């Protein structure tokens, strides 16, 4: 069902920009900026994700720098601000779970996942990026614009990939295969 520039699938509303905006990360150009954005707010996490991260923390800490390990040991890896649970960052910049491959910021949780050491990939808010989820009786999916992601817009145009296609795996993780199929059908792509 279409509502102007919003598609409704079950109790999830998807803004049309998620379906039409070209996007494909280009880490060589952005250097993993989504993990190091200058902000007093880290990535949103759920209580369930906090529990999962606590269980795998000893493994994940093997990938991060001493500075990040100390931050986690002294202050924890998450905080609550304005009633929202967020991953902690270093000096309002790099997420405590960032590690670097050369000059590219990457997620140590995801690294441990791809190395086969943990079963939790990373928080869904990180996996869905650049999609952000707002709540209004259900989920509302919108595109979170950052200048640091301009290379991803160019790359998406070249590859003919939209945000919804780029985030296929995370959207299926969050809402399921059937939901994603309905999204593709309603979007006409």
C-alpha atoms as a PDB file:
ATOM      1  CA  UNK A   1       0.000   0.000   0.000  1.00  0.00           C
ATOM      2  CA  UNK A   2       1.354   3.466  -0.953  1.00  0.00           C
ATOM      3  CA  UNK A   3       0.822   6.609   1.172  1.00  0.00           C
ATOM      4  CA  UNK A   4       2.338   9.420  -0.919  1.00  0.00           C
ATOM      5  CA  UNK A   5       6.055   8.857  -0.567  1.00  0.00           C
ATOM      6  CA  UNK A   6       5.705   6.012   1.956  1.00  0.00           C
ATOM      7  CA  UNK A   7       5.155   2.287   1.392  1.00  0.00           C
ATOM      8  CA  UNK A   8       3.428   0.250   4.112  1.00  0.00           C
ATOM      9  CA  UNK A   9       4.305  -3.408   4.576  1.00  0.00           C
ATOM     10  CA  UNK A  10       2.671  -5.011   7.594  1.00  0.00           C
ATOM     11  CA  UNK A  11       3.276  -2.530  10.425  1.00  0.00           C
ATOM     12  CA  UNK A  12       6.451  -1.096   8.860  1.00  0.00           C
ATOM     13  CA  UNK A  13       6.442   2.155   6.912  1.00  0.00           C
ATOM     14  CA  UNK A  14       9.249   2.665   4.402  1.00  0.00           C
ATOM     15  CA  UNK A  15      10.012   6.129   3.075  1.00  0.00           C
ATOM     16  CA  UNK A  16      10.385   6.155  -0.691  1.00  0.00           C
ATOM     17  CA  UNK A  17      13.936   7.538  -0.456  1.00  0.00           C
ATOM     18  CA  UNK A  18      15.044   4.125   0.908  1.00  0.00           C
ATOM     19  CA  UNK A  19      13.765   2.546  -2.306  1.00  0.00           C
ATOM     20  CA  UNK A  20      14.954   5.152  -4.812  1.00  0.00           C
ATOM     21  CA  UNK A  21      18.250   6.571  -3.533  1.00  0.00           C
ATOM     22  CA  UNK A  22      21.338   4.987  -5.120  1.00  0.00           C
ATOM     23  CA  UNK A  23      23.749   3.777  -2.427  1.00  0.00           C
ATOM     24  CA  UNK A  24      26.643   1.321  -2.100  1.00  0.00           C
ATOM     25  CA  UNK A  25      29.393   1.878   0.454  1.00  0.00           C
ATOM     26  CA  UNK A  26      32.822   2.722  -0.924  1.00  0.00           C
ATOM     27  CA  UNK A  27      35.143   2.114   2.029  1.00  0.00           C
ATOM     28  CA  UNK A  28      38.232   3.176   0.100  1.00  0.00           C
ATOM     29  CA  UNK A  29      36.756   6.669  -0.127  1.00  0.00           C
ATOM     30  CA  UNK A  30      34.754   7.094   3.094  1.00  0.00           C
ATOM     31  CA  UNK A  31      37.242   5.189   5.311  1.00  0.00           C
ATOM     32  CA  UNK A  32      34.417   3.684   7.392  1.00  0.00           C
ATOM     33  CA  UNK A  33      33.089   7.084   8.434  1.00  0.00           C
ATOM     34  CA  UNK A  34      29.829   5.593   9.766  1.00  0.00           C
ATOM     35  CA  UNK A  35      31.849   4.073  12.640  1.00  0.00           C
ATOM     36  CA  UNK A  36      33.649   7.324  13.426  1.00  0.00           C
ATOM     37  CA  UNK A  37      31.054  10.078  12.937  1.00  0.00           C
ATOM     38  CA  UNK A  38      31.507  13.060  15.215  1.00  0.00           C
ATOM     39  CA  UNK A  39      28.478  12.926  17.512  1.00  0.00           C
ATOM     40  CA  UNK A  40      27.593  12.787  21.182  1.00  0.00           C
ATOM     41  CA  UNK A  41      25.317   9.851  20.327  1.00  0.00           C
ATOM     42  CA  UNK A  42      26.644   6.408  19.445  1.00  0.00           C
ATOM     43  CA  UNK A  43      24.792   3.723  17.507  1.00  0.00           C
ATOM     44  CA  UNK A  44      21.471   2.671  19.056  1.00  0.00           C
ATOM     45  CA  UNK A  45      21.378  -0.792  20.660  1.00  0.00           C
ATOM     46  CA  UNK A  46      18.676  -2.899  22.264  1.00  0.00           C
ATOM     47  CA  UNK A  47      18.785  -4.581  25.661  1.00  0.00           C
ATOM     48  CA  UNK A  48      18.943  -7.952  23.891  1.00  0.00           C
ATOM     49  CA  UNK A  49      21.930  -6.793  21.823  1.00  0.00           C
ATOM     50  CA  UNK A  50      23.679  -5.549  24.968  1.00  0.00           C
ATOM     51  CA  UNK A  51      23.273  -9.023  26.494  1.00  0.00           C
ATOM     52  CA  UNK A  52      24.647 -10.642  23.331  1.00  0.00           C
ATOM     53  CA  UNK A  53      27.628  -8.278  23.225  1.00  0.00           C
ATOM     54  CA  UNK A  54      28.375  -8.895  26.922  1.00  0.00           C
ATOM     55  CA  UNK A  55      28.641 -12.626  26.158  1.00  0.00           C
ATOM     56  CA  UNK A  56      31.089 -12.136  23.267  1.00  0.00           C
ATOM     57  CA  UNK A  57      33.014  -9.186  24.710  1.00  0.00           C
ATOM     58  CA  UNK A  58      36.158 -11.184  25.651  1.00  0.00           C
ATOM     59  CA  UNK A  59      36.514 -12.301  22.015  1.00  0.00           C
ATOM     60  CA  UNK A  60      35.702  -8.911  20.490  1.00  0.00           C
ATOM     61  CA  UNK A  61      38.163  -7.073  22.752  1.00  0.00           C
ATOM     62  CA  UNK A  62      40.992  -9.003  21.073  1.00  0.00           C
ATOM     63  CA  UNK A  63      40.481  -6.901  17.921  1.00  0.00           C
ATOM     64  CA  UNK A  64      40.422  -3.391  19.387  1.00  0.00           C
ATOM     65  CA  UNK A  65      43.148  -1.017  20.534  1.00  0.00           C
ATOM     66  CA  UNK A  66      44.308  -0.629  24.113  1.00  0.00           C
ATOM     67  CA  UNK A  67      42.581   2.781  24.314  1.00  0.00           C
ATOM     68  CA  UNK A  68      39.246   1.244  23.358  1.00  0.00           C
ATOM     69  CA  UNK A  69      39.717  -1.698  25.743  1.00  0.00           C
ATOM     70  CA  UNK A  70      40.402   0.719  28.613  1.00  0.00           C
ATOM     71  CA  UNK A  71      37.306   2.762  27.766  1.00  0.00           C
ATOM     72  CA  UNK A  72      35.150  -0.370  27.856  1.00  0.00           C
ATOM     73  CA  UNK A  73      36.745  -1.620  31.083  1.00  0.00           C
ATOM     74  CA  UNK A  74      36.376   1.748  32.837  1.00  0.00           C
ATOM     75  CA  UNK A  75      33.025   2.953  31.488  1.00  0.00           C
ATOM     76  CA  UNK A  76      31.377   0.005  29.734  1.00  0.00           C
ATOM     77  CA  UNK A  77      30.537  -0.295  26.047  1.00  0.00           C
ATOM     78  CA  UNK A  78      27.107   1.337  26.164  1.00  0.00           C
ATOM     79  CA  UNK A  79      25.389   4.267  27.814  1.00  0.00           C
ATOM     80  CA  UNK A  80      21.879   5.592  28.239  1.00  0.00           C
ATOM     81  CA  UNK A  81      21.104   9.088  26.953  1.00  0.00           C
ATOM     82  CA  UNK A  82      17.628  10.583  26.765  1.00  0.00           C
ATOM     83  CA  UNK A  83      16.138   7.132  27.521  1.00  0.00           C
ATOM     84  CA  UNK A  84      17.979   5.569  24.575  1.00  0.00           C
ATOM     85  CA  UNK A  85      20.639   2.844  24.804  1.00  0.00           C
ATOM     86  CA  UNK A  86      23.688   3.707  22.698  1.00  0.00           C
ATOM     87  CA  UNK A  87      27.129   2.270  22.043  1.00  0.00           C
ATOM     88  CA  UNK A  88      29.818   4.348  23.706  1.00  0.00           C
ATOM     89  CA  UNK A  89      32.320   6.251  21.606  1.00  0.00           C
ATOM     90  CA  UNK A  90      35.793   7.618  22.176  1.00  0.00           C
ATOM     91  CA  UNK A  91      35.759  11.433  22.439  1.00  0.00           C
ATOM     92  CA  UNK A  92      32.347  11.534  20.675  1.00  0.00           C
ATOM     93  CA  UNK A  93      33.916  10.068  17.558  1.00  0.00           C
ATOM     94  CA  UNK A  94      35.016   6.450  17.051  1.00  0.00           C
ATOM     95  CA  UNK A  95      32.762   3.681  18.352  1.00  0.00           C
ATOM     96  CA  UNK A  96      34.433   1.674  21.117  1.00  0.00           C
ATOM     97  CA  UNK A  97      34.272  -1.370  18.840  1.00  0.00           C
ATOM     98  CA  UNK A  98      36.222   0.209  15.969  1.00  0.00           C
ATOM     99  CA  UNK A  99      39.464  -1.326  14.794  1.00  0.00           C
ATOM    100  CA  UNK A 100      41.447  -0.243  11.732  1.00  0.00           C
ATOM    101  CA  UNK A 101      42.590  -2.050   8.625  1.00  0.00           C
ATOM    102  CA  UNK A 102      45.089   0.459   7.320  1.00  0.00           C
ATOM    103  CA  UNK A 103      43.200   3.749   7.445  1.00  0.00           C
ATOM    104  CA  UNK A 104      39.718   2.213   7.219  1.00  0.00           C
ATOM    105  CA  UNK A 105      37.571   1.972  10.373  1.00  0.00           C
ATOM    106  CA  UNK A 106      35.812  -1.363  10.743  1.00  0.00           C
ATOM    107  CA  UNK A 107      33.683  -3.165  13.331  1.00  0.00           C
ATOM    108  CA  UNK A 108      35.452  -5.593  15.659  1.00  0.00           C
ATOM    109  CA  UNK A 109      32.169  -7.373  16.411  1.00  0.00           C
ATOM    110  CA  UNK A 110      31.631  -8.032  12.717  1.00  0.00           C
ATOM    111  CA  UNK A 111      35.278  -9.073  12.310  1.00  0.00           C
ATOM    112  CA  UNK A 112      34.855 -11.690  15.054  1.00  0.00           C
ATOM    113  CA  UNK A 113      31.643 -12.836  13.326  1.00  0.00           C
ATOM    114  CA  UNK A 114      33.332 -13.245   9.921  1.00  0.00           C
ATOM    115  CA  UNK A 115      36.283 -14.973  11.593  1.00  0.00           C
ATOM    116  CA  UNK A 116      33.768 -17.547  12.895  1.00  0.00           C
ATOM    117  CA  UNK A 117      34.455 -16.740  16.555  1.00  0.00           C
ATOM    118  CA  UNK A 118      30.978 -15.387  17.437  1.00  0.00           C
ATOM    119  CA  UNK A 119      27.422 -15.838  16.115  1.00  0.00           C
ATOM    120  CA  UNK A 120      26.268 -12.226  16.631  1.00  0.00           C
ATOM    121  CA  UNK A 121      27.103 -10.070  13.593  1.00  0.00           C
ATOM    122  CA  UNK A 122      26.661  -6.546  14.981  1.00  0.00           C
ATOM    123  CA  UNK A 123      23.853  -4.313  16.263  1.00  0.00           C
ATOM    124  CA  UNK A 124      20.992  -4.081  13.781  1.00  0.00           C
ATOM    125  CA  UNK A 125      21.217  -0.268  13.735  1.00  0.00           C
ATOM    126  CA  UNK A 126      24.768  -0.601  12.398  1.00  0.00           C
ATOM    127  CA  UNK A 127      23.843  -3.358   9.960  1.00  0.00           C
ATOM    128  CA  UNK A 128      20.919  -1.332   8.559  1.00  0.00           C
ATOM    129  CA  UNK A 129      22.947   1.874   8.089  1.00  0.00           C
ATOM    130  CA  UNK A 130      22.240   4.233   6.259  1.00  0.00           C
ATOM    131  CA  UNK A 131      18.674   3.245   7.143  1.00  0.00           C
ATOM    132  CA  UNK A 132      17.491   4.526  10.497  1.00  0.00           C
ATOM    133  CA  UNK A 133      14.425   3.186  12.253  1.00  0.00           C
ATOM    134  CA  UNK A 134      12.031   5.594  13.967  1.00  0.00           C
ATOM    135  CA  UNK A 135       9.108   4.392  16.052  1.00  0.00           C
ATOM    136  CA  UNK A 136       5.556   5.611  15.579  1.00  0.00           C
ATOM    137  CA  UNK A 137       3.203   2.768  16.460  1.00  0.00           C
ATOM    138  CA  UNK A 138       5.476   0.622  14.281  1.00  0.00           C
ATOM    139  CA  UNK A 139       8.799   1.042  12.524  1.00  0.00           C
ATOM    140  CA  UNK A 140       9.394   3.857  10.055  1.00  0.00           C
ATOM    141  CA  UNK A 141      12.455   3.313   7.850  1.00  0.00           C
ATOM    142  CA  UNK A 142      14.190   6.425   6.579  1.00  0.00           C
ATOM    143  CA  UNK A 143      17.484   7.359   4.954  1.00  0.00           C
ATOM    144  CA  UNK A 144      19.954   9.015   7.347  1.00  0.00           C
ATOM    145  CA  UNK A 145      21.961  11.453   5.221  1.00  0.00           C
ATOM    146  CA  UNK A 146      25.612  12.209   6.008  1.00  0.00           C
ATOM    147  CA  UNK A 147      28.056  14.122   3.791  1.00  0.00           C
ATOM    148  CA  UNK A 148      30.632  11.436   4.555  1.00  0.00           C
ATOM    149  CA  UNK A 149      28.468   9.007   2.572  1.00  0.00           C
ATOM    150  CA  UNK A 150      28.577  11.000  -0.696  1.00  0.00           C
ATOM    151  CA  UNK A 151      30.986   8.438  -2.214  1.00  0.00           C
ATOM    152  CA  UNK A 152      28.338   5.753  -1.512  1.00  0.00           C
ATOM    153  CA  UNK A 153      25.771   7.753  -3.477  1.00  0.00           C
ATOM    154  CA  UNK A 154      28.149   7.947  -6.464  1.00  0.00           C
ATOM    155  CA  UNK A 155      29.013   4.243  -6.151  1.00  0.00           C
ATOM    156  CA  UNK A 156      25.323   3.321  -5.955  1.00  0.00           C
ATOM    157  CA  UNK A 157      24.656   5.218  -9.184  1.00  0.00           C
ATOM    158  CA  UNK A 158      27.525   3.430 -10.940  1.00  0.00           C
ATOM    159  CA  UNK A 159      26.400   0.009  -9.685  1.00  0.00           C
ATOM    160  CA  UNK A 160      22.671   0.781 -10.057  1.00  0.00           C
ATOM    161  CA  UNK A 161      21.989  -0.258  -6.428  1.00  0.00           C
ATOM    162  CA  UNK A 162      19.517   1.461  -4.111  1.00  0.00           C
ATOM    163  CA  UNK A 163      19.658   1.707  -0.325  1.00  0.00           C
ATOM    164  CA  UNK A 164      17.036  -1.056  -0.035  1.00  0.00           C
ATOM    165  CA  UNK A 165      19.113  -3.344  -2.258  1.00  0.00           C
ATOM    166  CA  UNK A 166      22.365  -2.481  -0.485  1.00  0.00           C
ATOM    167  CA  UNK A 167      20.694  -3.239   2.864  1.00  0.00           C
ATOM    168  CA  UNK A 168      18.940  -6.409   1.664  1.00  0.00           C
ATOM    169  CA  UNK A 169      20.739  -8.712   4.107  1.00  0.00           C
ATOM    170  CA  UNK A 170      20.067  -6.498   7.129  1.00  0.00           C
ATOM    171  CA  UNK A 171      16.441  -5.865   6.124  1.00  0.00           C
ATOM    172  CA  UNK A 172      15.896  -9.630   5.841  1.00  0.00           C
ATOM    173  CA  UNK A 173      17.630 -10.109   9.204  1.00  0.00           C
ATOM    174  CA  UNK A 174      15.237  -7.608  10.791  1.00  0.00           C
ATOM    175  CA  UNK A 175      11.960  -8.277   8.974  1.00  0.00           C
ATOM    176  CA  UNK A 176      12.319 -11.592   7.117  1.00  0.00           C
ATOM    177  CA  UNK A 177      12.453 -12.858   3.517  1.00  0.00           C
ATOM    178  CA  UNK A 178       8.717 -12.536   2.913  1.00  0.00           C
ATOM    179  CA  UNK A 179       8.717  -8.911   4.062  1.00  0.00           C
ATOM    180  CA  UNK A 180      11.693  -8.078   1.835  1.00  0.00           C
ATOM    181  CA  UNK A 181      10.019  -9.753  -1.161  1.00  0.00           C
ATOM    182  CA  UNK A 182       6.937  -7.590  -0.585  1.00  0.00           C
ATOM    183  CA  UNK A 183       9.160  -4.503  -0.402  1.00  0.00           C
ATOM    184  CA  UNK A 184      10.805  -5.362  -3.720  1.00  0.00           C
ATOM    185  CA  UNK A 185       7.420  -6.079  -5.326  1.00  0.00           C
ATOM    186  CA  UNK A 186       5.876  -2.817  -4.127  1.00  0.00           C
ATOM    187  CA  UNK A 187       8.931  -0.801  -5.102  1.00  0.00           C
ATOM    188  CA  UNK A 188       8.868  -2.155  -8.644  1.00  0.00           C
ATOM    189  CA  UNK A 189      12.591  -3.015  -8.637  1.00  0.00           C
END
